Amino acid sequence: MDPIIALSHELIEKGSKSFAMAAKLLPRDARYDSMMLYAWCRHCDDVIDDQILGFNRETGSEKSPQERLEGLRRDTAAALAGTATEPVFVALGRVAHKHHIPERHPMELLRGFEMDVNERVYETLEDTLDYCYHVAGVVGVMMAMIMGVRERPTLNRASDLGIAFQLTNICRDVVEDAKAGRLYLPRQWLREAGVPEDKVADPQYRRQVYEVTKRLLCEADQYYRSAMFGMQRLPLGAAVGIGAARRVYRDIGRLVANRGESAWDGRAIVGPMRKLAAALSGATAAVRAHTTLRIGYAPPRDGLWTVPELGKPTRRNRPFAFLR
């Protein structure tokens, strides 16, 4: 196996078992290219958090978060120019060149990491969704491009799936993130629920935090539903893999919701058998959507967030009315 692909495969196996399982269902070329894109995303995430595959290093970096971010920008620009030497950036360069991924999209992901570096405050749901697009929705867009998609309506559905994934991650990790000083839940919602911003991890507010989280999971479900209508535009093999990933991640959110106030007593992890069942169910649903939905039809994405440059008009309540 090509060493760049082998390294990417190793990173995905260690860094995300859920994504690794779903990737196995993708056609070979799409699987390898998706793994290479993931390797770059994983590396950038680790550099910003000063971690290795999501775990803290024994000795921290001497560089500040801002310096690490600027380094990622330089290396990513080199990757897109075809001059990178570090394997994960070589991987990104290969994928971007092969699939004609615009430079703006990798840089949008780094803009999302910049929000963490600058400790952005997420006051409204709109703010949280903006973050979700930049750290995950744009990855969905790039994944769709790897699978041959270019039409904007389908790319927006791919963005919806990435946003749904990130909303699920936020809900799963809300207490852990709060202990680390990160808060992605809309502060407006927390105030409405009577939760002080500095008490999100406090057990005495667990019931209220759960209610806010459940509200955010309901938002995620809208994006999961919208994403299903993008699968009919993917090649069937790709739809199967993406359908599996969609169901596995959605199952994580359902696990959090079903646990109630005890959702954060331990990390919400979908066990191997349940994960396999969810993946098979998701793959089956994707095949059904691909073969039985009327090609070209999709309900309008009214009420769903769309990055202004990608959608028109820009108002949130009618981001894709021209599909009617």
Protein backbone atom coordinates (compact mmCIF):
# COMPACT_ATOMS: atom_id res chain seq x y z
CA MET A 1 0.00 0.00 0.00
CA ASP A 2 1.12 3.54 -0.75
CA PRO A 3 2.82 4.87 2.44
CA ILE A 4 0.69 8.04 2.48
CA ILE A 5 -2.47 5.96 2.27
CA ALA A 6 -1.13 3.53 4.88
CA LEU A 7 -0.46 6.38 7.31
CA SER A 8 -3.92 7.83 6.68
CA HIS A 9 -5.47 4.43 7.30
CA GLU A 10 -3.60 4.11 10.59
CA LEU A 11 -4.76 7.55 11.72
CA ILE A 12 -8.40 6.86 10.98
CA GLU A 13 -8.30 3.46 12.72
CA LYS A 14 -6.87 5.06 15.86
CA GLY A 15 -8.65 8.38 15.72
CA SER A 16 -12.26 7.53 14.85
CA LYS A 17 -13.59 3.99 14.99
CA SER A 18 -17.02 5.17 13.83
CA PHE A 19 -15.65 6.83 10.70
CA ALA A 20 -13.30 3.90 10.12
CA MET A 21 -16.22 1.47 10.07
CA ALA A 22 -18.21 3.61 7.65
CA ALA A 23 -15.17 4.15 5.41
CA LYS A 24 -14.89 0.41 4.86
CA LEU A 25 -18.18 0.57 2.98
CA LEU A 26 -16.98 3.19 0.51
CA PRO A 27 -15.66 2.27 -2.94
CA ARG A 28 -11.88 1.83 -2.89
CA ASP A 29 -10.81 5.12 -4.46
CA ALA A 30 -13.27 7.16 -2.42
CA ARG A 31 -12.21 5.27 0.71
CA TYR A 32 -8.53 6.03 0.23
CA ASP A 33 -9.11 9.67 -0.66
CA SER A 34 -11.49 10.11 2.29
CA MET A 35 -8.88 8.63 4.61
CA MET A 36 -6.25 11.05 3.32
CA LEU A 37 -8.58 14.00 3.87
CA TYR A 38 -9.37 12.71 7.34
CA ALA A 39 -5.66 12.36 8.18
CA TRP A 40 -5.14 16.06 7.49
CA CYS A 41 -8.25 17.05 9.47
CA ARG A 42 -7.18 14.88 12.41
CA HIS A 43 -3.67 16.29 12.34
CA CYS A 44 -4.92 19.90 12.35
CA ASP A 45 -7.29 19.19 15.22
CA ASP A 46 -4.48 17.62 17.24
CA VAL A 47 -2.09 20.49 16.55
CA ILE A 48 -4.61 23.09 17.73
CA ASP A 49 -5.49 21.11 20.88
CA ASP A 50 -1.83 20.13 21.44
CA GLN A 51 -2.81 16.46 21.47
CA ILE A 52 -2.07 13.17 19.73
CA LEU A 53 -5.18 11.48 18.30
CA GLY A 54 -7.33 13.33 20.81
CA PHE A 55 -5.18 12.54 23.86
CA ASN A 56 -2.96 14.97 25.75
CA ARG A 57 0.77 14.89 25.06
CA GLU A 58 3.24 14.02 27.82
CA THR A 59 5.00 17.30 27.16
CA GLY A 60 3.15 20.28 25.75
CA SER A 61 4.19 22.33 22.76
CA GLU A 62 6.37 25.38 23.32
CA LYS A 63 4.38 27.25 20.66
CA SER A 64 1.25 29.23 21.45
CA PRO A 65 -2.10 28.17 19.93
CA GLN A 66 -1.90 31.16 17.56
CA GLU A 67 1.58 30.12 16.41
CA ARG A 68 0.38 26.57 15.84
CA LEU A 69 -2.57 27.86 13.81
CA GLU A 70 -0.33 30.02 11.65
CA GLY A 71 1.91 27.00 11.06
CA LEU A 72 -1.09 24.99 9.89
CA ARG A 73 -2.05 27.77 7.50
CA ARG A 74 1.44 27.85 5.99
CA ASP A 75 1.64 24.08 5.64
CA THR A 76 -1.87 23.85 4.20
CA ALA A 77 -1.07 26.55 1.64
CA ALA A 78 2.03 24.57 0.70
CA ALA A 79 -0.07 21.42 0.35
CA LEU A 80 -2.49 23.14 -1.99
CA ALA A 81 0.44 24.53 -4.00
CA GLY A 82 1.93 21.04 -4.30
CA THR A 83 5.09 21.82 -2.32
CA ALA A 84 4.33 20.07 1.00
CA THR A 85 6.73 17.50 2.43
CA GLU A 86 4.99 16.33 5.63
CA PRO A 87 2.85 13.22 4.86
CA VAL A 88 -0.52 14.51 6.07
CA PHE A 89 -0.12 17.66 3.99
CA VAL A 90 1.05 15.67 0.98
CA ALA A 91 -2.15 13.67 1.43
CA LEU A 92 -4.29 16.82 1.42
CA GLY A 93 -2.50 18.12 -1.66
CA ARG A 94 -3.14 14.90 -3.56
CA VAL A 95 -6.84 14.88 -2.72
CA ALA A 96 -7.38 18.58 -3.41
CA HIS A 97 -5.59 18.38 -6.76
CA LYS A 98 -7.30 15.17 -7.87
CA HIS A 99 -10.81 16.37 -7.04
CA HIS A 100 -10.34 20.08 -7.77
CA ILE A 101 -11.30 21.10 -4.23
CA PRO A 102 -11.19 24.90 -4.00
CA GLU A 103 -8.59 26.35 -1.67
CA ARG A 104 -11.28 28.15 0.31
CA HIS A 105 -12.62 24.90 1.77
CA PRO A 106 -9.50 23.66 3.61
CA MET A 107 -8.96 27.22 4.79
CA GLU A 108 -12.54 27.35 6.10
CA LEU A 109 -11.73 24.41 8.36
CA LEU A 110 -8.76 26.32 9.75
CA ARG A 111 -11.08 29.29 10.29
CA GLY A 112 -13.12 27.01 12.53
CA PHE A 113 -10.02 26.15 14.56
CA GLU A 114 -9.31 29.88 14.78
CA MET A 115 -12.63 30.26 16.59
CA ASP A 116 -11.31 27.91 19.28
CA VAL A 117 -7.95 29.67 19.45
CA ASN A 118 -9.68 33.05 19.87
CA GLU A 119 -12.17 31.59 22.38
CA ARG A 120 -15.16 32.79 20.43
CA VAL A 121 -18.39 33.22 22.41
CA TYR A 122 -21.42 31.38 20.97
CA GLU A 123 -24.29 33.60 21.96
CA THR A 124 -27.01 32.29 19.63
CA LEU A 125 -27.85 29.09 17.79
CA GLU A 126 -26.71 30.87 14.63
CA ASP A 127 -23.26 31.30 16.18
CA THR A 128 -23.05 27.62 17.10
CA LEU A 129 -24.11 26.57 13.61
CA ASP A 130 -21.49 28.88 12.09
CA TYR A 131 -18.86 27.05 14.14
CA CYS A 132 -20.29 23.65 13.19
CA TYR A 133 -20.06 24.50 9.50
CA HIS A 134 -16.45 25.55 9.75
CA VAL A 135 -15.19 22.55 11.73
CA ALA A 136 -17.41 19.86 10.19
CA GLY A 137 -19.89 21.05 7.56
CA VAL A 138 -17.09 22.05 5.20
CA VAL A 139 -15.56 18.58 5.66
CA GLY A 140 -18.86 17.18 4.40
CA VAL A 141 -18.58 19.46 1.38
CA MET A 142 -15.06 18.24 0.62
CA MET A 143 -16.11 14.61 1.11
CA ALA A 144 -18.94 15.10 -1.38
CA MET A 145 -16.46 16.54 -3.87
CA ILE A 146 -14.31 13.44 -3.47
CA MET A 147 -17.41 11.47 -4.47
CA GLY A 148 -17.91 13.50 -7.61
CA VAL A 149 -20.51 16.03 -6.47
CA ARG A 150 -20.33 19.58 -7.80
CA GLU A 151 -23.89 20.93 -7.82
CA ARG A 152 -24.49 23.38 -5.01
CA PRO A 153 -27.79 21.96 -3.65
CA THR A 154 -26.18 18.58 -2.98
CA LEU A 155 -23.09 20.19 -1.45
CA ASN A 156 -25.39 22.00 0.95
CA ARG A 157 -26.93 18.66 1.94
CA ALA A 158 -23.41 17.34 2.53
CA SER A 159 -22.74 20.36 4.73
CA ASP A 160 -25.92 19.53 6.64
CA LEU A 161 -24.55 16.11 7.52
CA GLY A 162 -21.28 17.55 8.81
CA ILE A 163 -23.19 20.11 10.88
CA ALA A 164 -25.36 17.33 12.32
CA PHE A 165 -22.24 15.34 13.26
CA GLN A 166 -20.73 18.33 15.07
CA LEU A 167 -23.95 19.15 16.92
CA THR A 168 -23.96 15.55 18.12
CA ASN A 169 -20.34 15.84 19.25
CA ILE A 170 -21.14 19.04 21.15
CA CYS A 171 -23.99 17.35 22.99
CA ARG A 172 -21.94 14.26 23.82
CA ASP A 173 -18.97 16.26 25.12
CA VAL A 174 -20.71 19.27 26.69
CA VAL A 175 -19.59 18.61 30.28
CA GLU A 176 -16.06 17.58 29.30
CA ASP A 177 -15.75 20.69 27.11
CA ALA A 178 -17.08 22.93 29.91
CA LYS A 179 -14.45 21.60 32.30
CA ALA A 180 -11.81 22.49 29.70
CA GLY A 181 -13.21 26.02 29.39
CA ARG A 182 -15.03 25.51 26.09
CA LEU A 183 -18.73 26.21 25.68
CA TYR A 184 -20.50 25.61 22.38
CA LEU A 185 -24.11 25.53 23.60
CA PRO A 186 -25.90 28.80 22.74
CA ARG A 187 -25.51 31.01 25.80
CA GLN A 188 -28.91 32.50 25.07
CA TRP A 189 -30.44 29.05 25.61
CA LEU A 190 -28.49 28.52 28.83
CA ARG A 191 -29.77 31.80 30.26
CA GLU A 192 -33.32 30.85 29.34
CA ALA A 193 -32.82 27.56 31.20
CA GLY A 194 -31.33 29.32 34.23
CA VAL A 195 -27.81 27.91 33.85
CA PRO A 196 -24.88 30.24 34.67
CA GLU A 197 -22.26 30.07 31.94
CA ASP A 198 -19.58 29.00 34.42
CA LYS A 199 -21.73 26.24 35.94
CA VAL A 200 -22.43 24.05 32.92
CA ALA A 201 -20.32 21.23 34.39
CA ASP A 202 -21.85 21.63 37.85
CA PRO A 203 -24.02 18.58 38.73
CA GLN A 204 -26.66 20.80 40.36
CA TYR A 205 -27.55 22.15 36.90
CA ARG A 206 -27.47 18.80 35.17
CA ARG A 207 -31.22 18.67 34.51
CA GLN A 208 -31.26 22.13 32.88
CA VAL A 209 -28.14 21.38 30.85
CA TYR A 210 -29.76 18.17 29.66
CA GLU A 211 -32.85 20.10 28.50
CA VAL A 212 -30.66 22.53 26.53
CA THR A 213 -28.72 19.63 25.06
CA LYS A 214 -31.88 17.79 24.08
CA ARG A 215 -33.04 20.96 22.32
CA LEU A 216 -29.77 21.04 20.35
CA LEU A 217 -30.15 17.36 19.44
CA CYS A 218 -33.57 18.21 17.98
CA GLU A 219 -31.81 20.77 15.80
CA ALA A 220 -29.30 18.11 14.77
CA ASP A 221 -32.14 15.81 13.68
CA GLN A 222 -33.30 18.41 11.15
CA TYR A 223 -29.86 18.36 9.56
CA TYR A 224 -29.69 14.56 9.60
CA ARG A 225 -33.06 14.42 7.80
CA SER A 226 -31.99 17.00 5.22
CA ALA A 227 -28.75 15.12 4.54
CA MET A 228 -30.66 12.00 3.52
CA PHE A 229 -31.94 13.80 0.43
CA GLY A 230 -28.39 14.45 -0.70
CA MET A 231 -27.59 10.74 -0.86
CA GLN A 232 -29.69 10.18 -3.96
CA ARG A 233 -27.15 12.33 -5.81
CA LEU A 234 -24.15 10.26 -4.71
CA PRO A 235 -22.89 7.17 -6.50
CA LEU A 236 -24.61 4.19 -4.89
CA GLY A 237 -21.43 2.81 -3.30
CA ALA A 238 -20.65 6.17 -1.75
CA ALA A 239 -24.23 6.58 -0.53
CA VAL A 240 -23.94 3.28 1.35
CA GLY A 241 -20.84 4.39 3.27
CA ILE A 242 -22.18 7.86 4.05
CA GLY A 243 -25.53 6.39 5.07
CA ALA A 244 -23.76 4.13 7.53
CA ALA A 245 -21.81 7.04 9.04
CA ARG A 246 -25.00 9.10 9.28
CA ARG A 247 -26.81 6.41 11.26
CA VAL A 248 -23.88 5.63 13.58
CA TYR A 249 -23.41 9.28 14.57
CA ARG A 250 -27.14 9.85 14.91
CA ASP A 251 -27.23 6.86 17.25
CA ILE A 252 -24.68 8.58 19.50
CA GLY A 253 -27.07 11.51 19.85
CA ARG A 254 -29.96 9.20 20.63
CA LEU A 255 -27.86 7.49 23.29
CA VAL A 256 -27.21 10.87 24.94
CA ALA A 257 -30.91 11.77 24.76
CA ASN A 258 -32.01 8.43 26.19
CA ARG A 259 -29.62 8.62 29.13
CA GLY A 260 -31.24 11.77 30.41
CA GLU A 261 -29.43 13.61 33.19
CA SER A 262 -26.93 10.74 33.51
CA ALA A 263 -25.75 11.28 29.91
CA TRP A 264 -22.37 12.57 31.08
CA ASP A 265 -21.69 10.10 33.91
CA GLY A 266 -19.57 8.32 31.31
CA ARG A 267 -18.74 9.02 27.70
CA ALA A 268 -21.58 8.04 25.35
CA ILE A 269 -20.03 5.26 23.29
CA VAL A 270 -21.93 3.06 20.87
CA GLY A 271 -20.73 -0.51 21.42
CA PRO A 272 -19.36 -2.63 18.54
CA MET A 273 -22.52 -4.67 17.97
CA ARG A 274 -24.85 -1.69 18.21
CA LYS A 275 -22.51 0.26 15.95
CA LEU A 276 -22.52 -2.56 13.39
CA ALA A 277 -26.32 -2.77 13.51
CA ALA A 278 -26.58 1.01 13.10
CA ALA A 279 -24.13 0.98 10.18
CA LEU A 280 -26.06 -1.76 8.38
CA SER A 281 -29.35 0.00 9.03
CA GLY A 282 -27.93 3.28 7.75
CA ALA A 283 -26.48 1.64 4.66
CA THR A 284 -29.84 0.00 3.91
CA ALA A 285 -31.66 3.30 4.34
CA ALA A 286 -29.19 4.96 1.97
CA VAL A 287 -29.82 2.31 -0.68
CA ARG A 288 -33.55 2.79 -0.26
CA ALA A 289 -33.20 6.57 -0.53
CA HIS A 290 -30.98 6.19 -3.58
CA THR A 291 -33.31 3.82 -5.42
CA THR A 292 -36.82 4.85 -4.37
CA LEU A 293 -36.73 8.63 -3.92
CA ARG A 294 -37.62 10.55 -7.03
CA ILE A 295 -34.25 11.73 -8.37
CA GLY A 296 -34.07 15.49 -8.37
CA TYR A 297 -36.72 15.97 -5.70
CA ALA A 298 -35.83 17.16 -2.24
CA PRO A 299 -37.93 19.19 0.18
CA PRO A 300 -36.65 22.74 0.58
CA ARG A 301 -34.12 23.34 3.35
CA ASP A 302 -36.27 26.02 5.00
CA GLY A 303 -35.00 26.90 8.45
CA LEU A 304 -31.57 25.31 7.99
CA TRP A 305 -28.39 27.32 8.27
CA THR A 306 -26.44 27.95 5.06
CA VAL A 307 -23.09 29.67 4.81
CA PRO A 308 -23.92 32.93 3.00
CA GLU A 309 -21.35 32.52 0.23
CA LEU A 310 -22.70 29.06 -0.64
CA GLY A 311 -26.41 29.69 -0.53
CA LYS A 312 -28.84 32.24 -1.79
CA PRO A 313 -30.63 34.09 -0.41
CA THR A 314 -28.69 34.54 2.83
CA ARG A 315 -31.61 34.79 5.24
CA ARG A 316 -31.66 31.75 7.50
CA ASN A 317 -35.38 31.01 7.17
CA ARG A 318 -35.23 30.62 3.37
CA PRO A 319 -31.71 29.52 2.45
CA PHE A 320 -32.70 27.43 -0.54
CA ALA A 321 -36.12 28.63 -1.63
CA PHE A 322 -35.02 28.50 -5.30
CA LEU A 323 -35.27 24.67 -5.11
CA ARG A 324 -39.06 24.88 -4.88
